Each structure stands twice: as structure tokens, then as C-alpha cells.
Amino acid sequence: MRKIFAAAAVLSITASGAMAGGYTAPVVEAEPVVVKGNSSSNAGILIPALLLVGIAVAASSN
């Protein structure tokens, strides 16, 4: 009978230690997302377009 009480005591001590903290969900951090947006002013097209408009205005004034 003594062995049963000793085994029960050992099991109750180890079980309470395992349950002491309770359950906490793991924290998973999301990776940062980098969004590459297009610029609204594209100088590669804007400067030649203005140059063509300037040439057309100069040609029409003659």
C-alpha cells in the first residue's frame, strides 16, 4: 500500500510541474512585405515629349 501512495505522490508532483505554466500559443511574426510602386512622373518619356511639342510649336510659327 505504501508503494501505491509513493507512486501517486511522485506522479502528482511531476504532473503539477508540467501543467504550471499553462498553454500559450507560439508567436509567429510575419515577414515584412516590400511593395515596389511605379512613379507617376516618368522623366524618360516626359522630356522627349516636351521636346517634340517644342519643335512642333517652333515649326508651326514659321
N, C-alpha and C. Protein backbone atom coordinates (compact mmCIF):
# COMPACT_ATOMS: atom_id res chain seq x y z
N MET A 1 0.81 -1.18 0.00
CA MET A 1 0.00 0.00 0.00
C MET A 1 0.87 1.26 0.00
N ARG A 2 1.98 1.14 0.69
CA ARG A 2 2.88 2.27 0.77
C ARG A 2 3.46 2.61 -0.60
N LYS A 3 3.72 1.61 -1.43
CA LYS A 3 4.28 1.83 -2.77
C LYS A 3 3.28 2.58 -3.65
N ILE A 4 2.01 2.30 -3.49
CA ILE A 4 0.98 2.97 -4.29
C ILE A 4 0.91 4.45 -3.92
N PHE A 5 0.97 4.75 -2.61
CA PHE A 5 0.94 6.14 -2.17
C PHE A 5 2.19 6.89 -2.62
N ALA A 6 3.33 6.22 -2.59
CA ALA A 6 4.57 6.85 -3.03
C ALA A 6 4.52 7.13 -4.53
N ALA A 7 4.02 6.18 -5.30
CA ALA A 7 3.91 6.38 -6.74
C ALA A 7 2.91 7.48 -7.07
N ALA A 8 1.81 7.55 -6.34
CA ALA A 8 0.81 8.60 -6.55
C ALA A 8 1.39 9.96 -6.19
N ALA A 9 2.19 10.03 -5.14
CA ALA A 9 2.81 11.30 -4.74
C ALA A 9 3.80 11.78 -5.80
N VAL A 10 4.61 10.86 -6.29
CA VAL A 10 5.58 11.23 -7.32
C VAL A 10 4.88 11.69 -8.59
N LEU A 11 3.83 10.99 -8.99
CA LEU A 11 3.10 11.38 -10.20
C LEU A 11 2.40 12.73 -10.03
N SER A 12 1.86 12.99 -8.86
CA SER A 12 1.17 14.26 -8.66
C SER A 12 2.15 15.43 -8.64
N ILE A 13 3.33 15.23 -8.11
CA ILE A 13 4.35 16.30 -8.09
C ILE A 13 4.84 16.60 -9.50
N THR A 14 5.12 15.57 -10.28
CA THR A 14 5.62 15.80 -11.64
C THR A 14 4.53 16.34 -12.55
N ALA A 15 3.30 15.95 -12.36
CA ALA A 15 2.21 16.42 -13.21
C ALA A 15 1.92 17.89 -12.95
N SER A 16 1.98 18.32 -11.70
CA SER A 16 1.70 19.73 -11.39
C SER A 16 2.81 20.63 -11.94
N GLY A 17 4.03 20.15 -11.96
CA GLY A 17 5.12 20.94 -12.53
C GLY A 17 4.99 21.11 -14.03
N ALA A 18 4.49 20.10 -14.69
CA ALA A 18 4.33 20.17 -16.13
C ALA A 18 3.18 21.09 -16.52
N MET A 19 2.15 21.18 -15.69
CA MET A 19 0.98 21.99 -16.00
C MET A 19 1.06 23.40 -15.43
N ALA A 20 2.13 23.76 -14.76
CA ALA A 20 2.20 25.02 -14.03
C ALA A 20 2.04 26.24 -14.93
N GLY A 21 2.66 26.22 -16.10
CA GLY A 21 2.62 27.41 -16.94
C GLY A 21 1.38 27.54 -17.76
N GLY A 22 0.68 26.48 -18.01
CA GLY A 22 -0.49 26.53 -18.87
C GLY A 22 -0.06 26.59 -20.33
N TYR A 23 -1.03 26.71 -21.20
CA TYR A 23 -0.75 26.74 -22.64
C TYR A 23 -0.68 28.18 -23.14
N THR A 24 0.36 28.49 -23.84
CA THR A 24 0.46 29.77 -24.52
C THR A 24 0.75 29.50 -25.99
N ALA A 25 0.03 30.18 -26.86
CA ALA A 25 0.22 29.99 -28.29
C ALA A 25 1.55 30.58 -28.72
N PRO A 26 2.26 29.92 -29.63
CA PRO A 26 3.54 30.47 -30.10
C PRO A 26 3.31 31.74 -30.92
N VAL A 27 4.23 32.68 -30.79
CA VAL A 27 4.12 33.95 -31.51
C VAL A 27 4.90 33.82 -32.81
N VAL A 28 4.19 34.00 -33.92
CA VAL A 28 4.83 33.93 -35.23
C VAL A 28 4.76 35.32 -35.85
N GLU A 29 5.93 35.89 -36.12
CA GLU A 29 5.97 37.22 -36.71
C GLU A 29 5.92 37.11 -38.23
N ALA A 30 5.12 37.96 -38.84
CA ALA A 30 5.01 37.96 -40.30
C ALA A 30 6.22 38.66 -40.91
N GLU A 31 6.62 38.19 -42.09
CA GLU A 31 7.73 38.81 -42.79
C GLU A 31 7.28 40.13 -43.39
N PRO A 32 8.14 41.14 -43.36
CA PRO A 32 7.76 42.42 -43.96
C PRO A 32 7.61 42.30 -45.47
N VAL A 33 6.61 42.99 -46.01
CA VAL A 33 6.34 42.94 -47.43
C VAL A 33 6.79 44.25 -48.05
N VAL A 34 7.64 44.19 -49.07
CA VAL A 34 8.13 45.38 -49.76
C VAL A 34 7.38 45.49 -51.07
N VAL A 35 6.69 46.63 -51.25
CA VAL A 35 5.92 46.86 -52.46
C VAL A 35 6.65 47.89 -53.30
N LYS A 36 6.97 47.51 -54.53
CA LYS A 36 7.64 48.44 -55.43
C LYS A 36 6.58 49.09 -56.30
N GLY A 37 6.41 50.37 -56.11
CA GLY A 37 5.40 51.11 -56.87
C GLY A 37 6.05 51.86 -58.03
N ASN A 38 5.24 52.13 -59.04
CA ASN A 38 5.73 52.91 -60.17
C ASN A 38 5.59 54.38 -59.87
N SER A 39 6.52 55.17 -60.37
CA SER A 39 6.49 56.61 -60.18
C SER A 39 5.47 57.21 -61.13
N SER A 40 4.76 58.24 -60.66
CA SER A 40 3.74 58.86 -61.51
C SER A 40 4.37 59.74 -62.59
N SER A 41 5.56 60.27 -62.35
CA SER A 41 6.22 61.08 -63.38
C SER A 41 7.42 60.31 -63.91
N ASN A 42 7.38 59.97 -65.17
CA ASN A 42 8.45 59.22 -65.79
C ASN A 42 9.24 60.18 -66.67
N ALA A 43 10.43 60.61 -66.21
CA ALA A 43 11.23 61.59 -66.94
C ALA A 43 11.76 61.02 -68.25
N GLY A 44 11.82 59.71 -68.40
CA GLY A 44 12.31 59.10 -69.63
C GLY A 44 11.36 59.35 -70.80
N ILE A 45 10.10 59.55 -70.53
CA ILE A 45 9.11 59.82 -71.58
C ILE A 45 8.75 61.30 -71.61
N LEU A 46 8.76 61.97 -70.47
CA LEU A 46 8.32 63.35 -70.35
C LEU A 46 9.22 64.32 -71.12
N ILE A 47 10.52 64.20 -71.00
CA ILE A 47 11.45 65.13 -71.65
C ILE A 47 11.39 65.02 -73.18
N PRO A 48 11.42 63.82 -73.79
CA PRO A 48 11.29 63.76 -75.25
C PRO A 48 9.93 64.27 -75.74
N ALA A 49 8.87 64.05 -74.96
CA ALA A 49 7.55 64.53 -75.38
C ALA A 49 7.52 66.05 -75.38
N LEU A 50 8.10 66.68 -74.36
CA LEU A 50 8.16 68.14 -74.33
C LEU A 50 9.05 68.68 -75.45
N LEU A 51 10.09 67.98 -75.77
CA LEU A 51 10.97 68.39 -76.87
C LEU A 51 10.22 68.34 -78.20
N LEU A 52 9.43 67.31 -78.44
CA LEU A 52 8.64 67.21 -79.67
C LEU A 52 7.59 68.30 -79.74
N VAL A 53 6.95 68.62 -78.63
CA VAL A 53 5.98 69.71 -78.60
C VAL A 53 6.65 71.03 -78.91
N GLY A 54 7.82 71.26 -78.34
CA GLY A 54 8.58 72.48 -78.62
C GLY A 54 8.96 72.61 -80.09
N ILE A 55 9.38 71.51 -80.70
CA ILE A 55 9.75 71.52 -82.12
C ILE A 55 8.51 71.77 -82.98
N ALA A 56 7.38 71.17 -82.61
CA ALA A 56 6.15 71.37 -83.38
C ALA A 56 5.70 72.82 -83.27
N VAL A 57 5.80 73.43 -82.12
CA VAL A 57 5.40 74.86 -81.96
C VAL A 57 6.34 75.74 -82.76
N ALA A 58 7.64 75.45 -82.74
CA ALA A 58 8.60 76.27 -83.49
C ALA A 58 8.37 76.11 -85.00
N ALA A 59 8.03 74.93 -85.47
CA ALA A 59 7.82 74.69 -86.89
C ALA A 59 6.51 75.35 -87.36
N SER A 60 5.50 75.42 -86.52
CA SER A 60 4.23 75.98 -86.93
C SER A 60 4.24 77.52 -86.91
N SER A 61 5.18 78.12 -86.19
CA SER A 61 5.23 79.58 -86.15
C SER A 61 5.88 80.16 -87.39
N ASN A 62 6.55 79.42 -88.23
CA ASN A 62 7.19 79.93 -89.46
C ASN A 62 6.23 80.06 -90.55
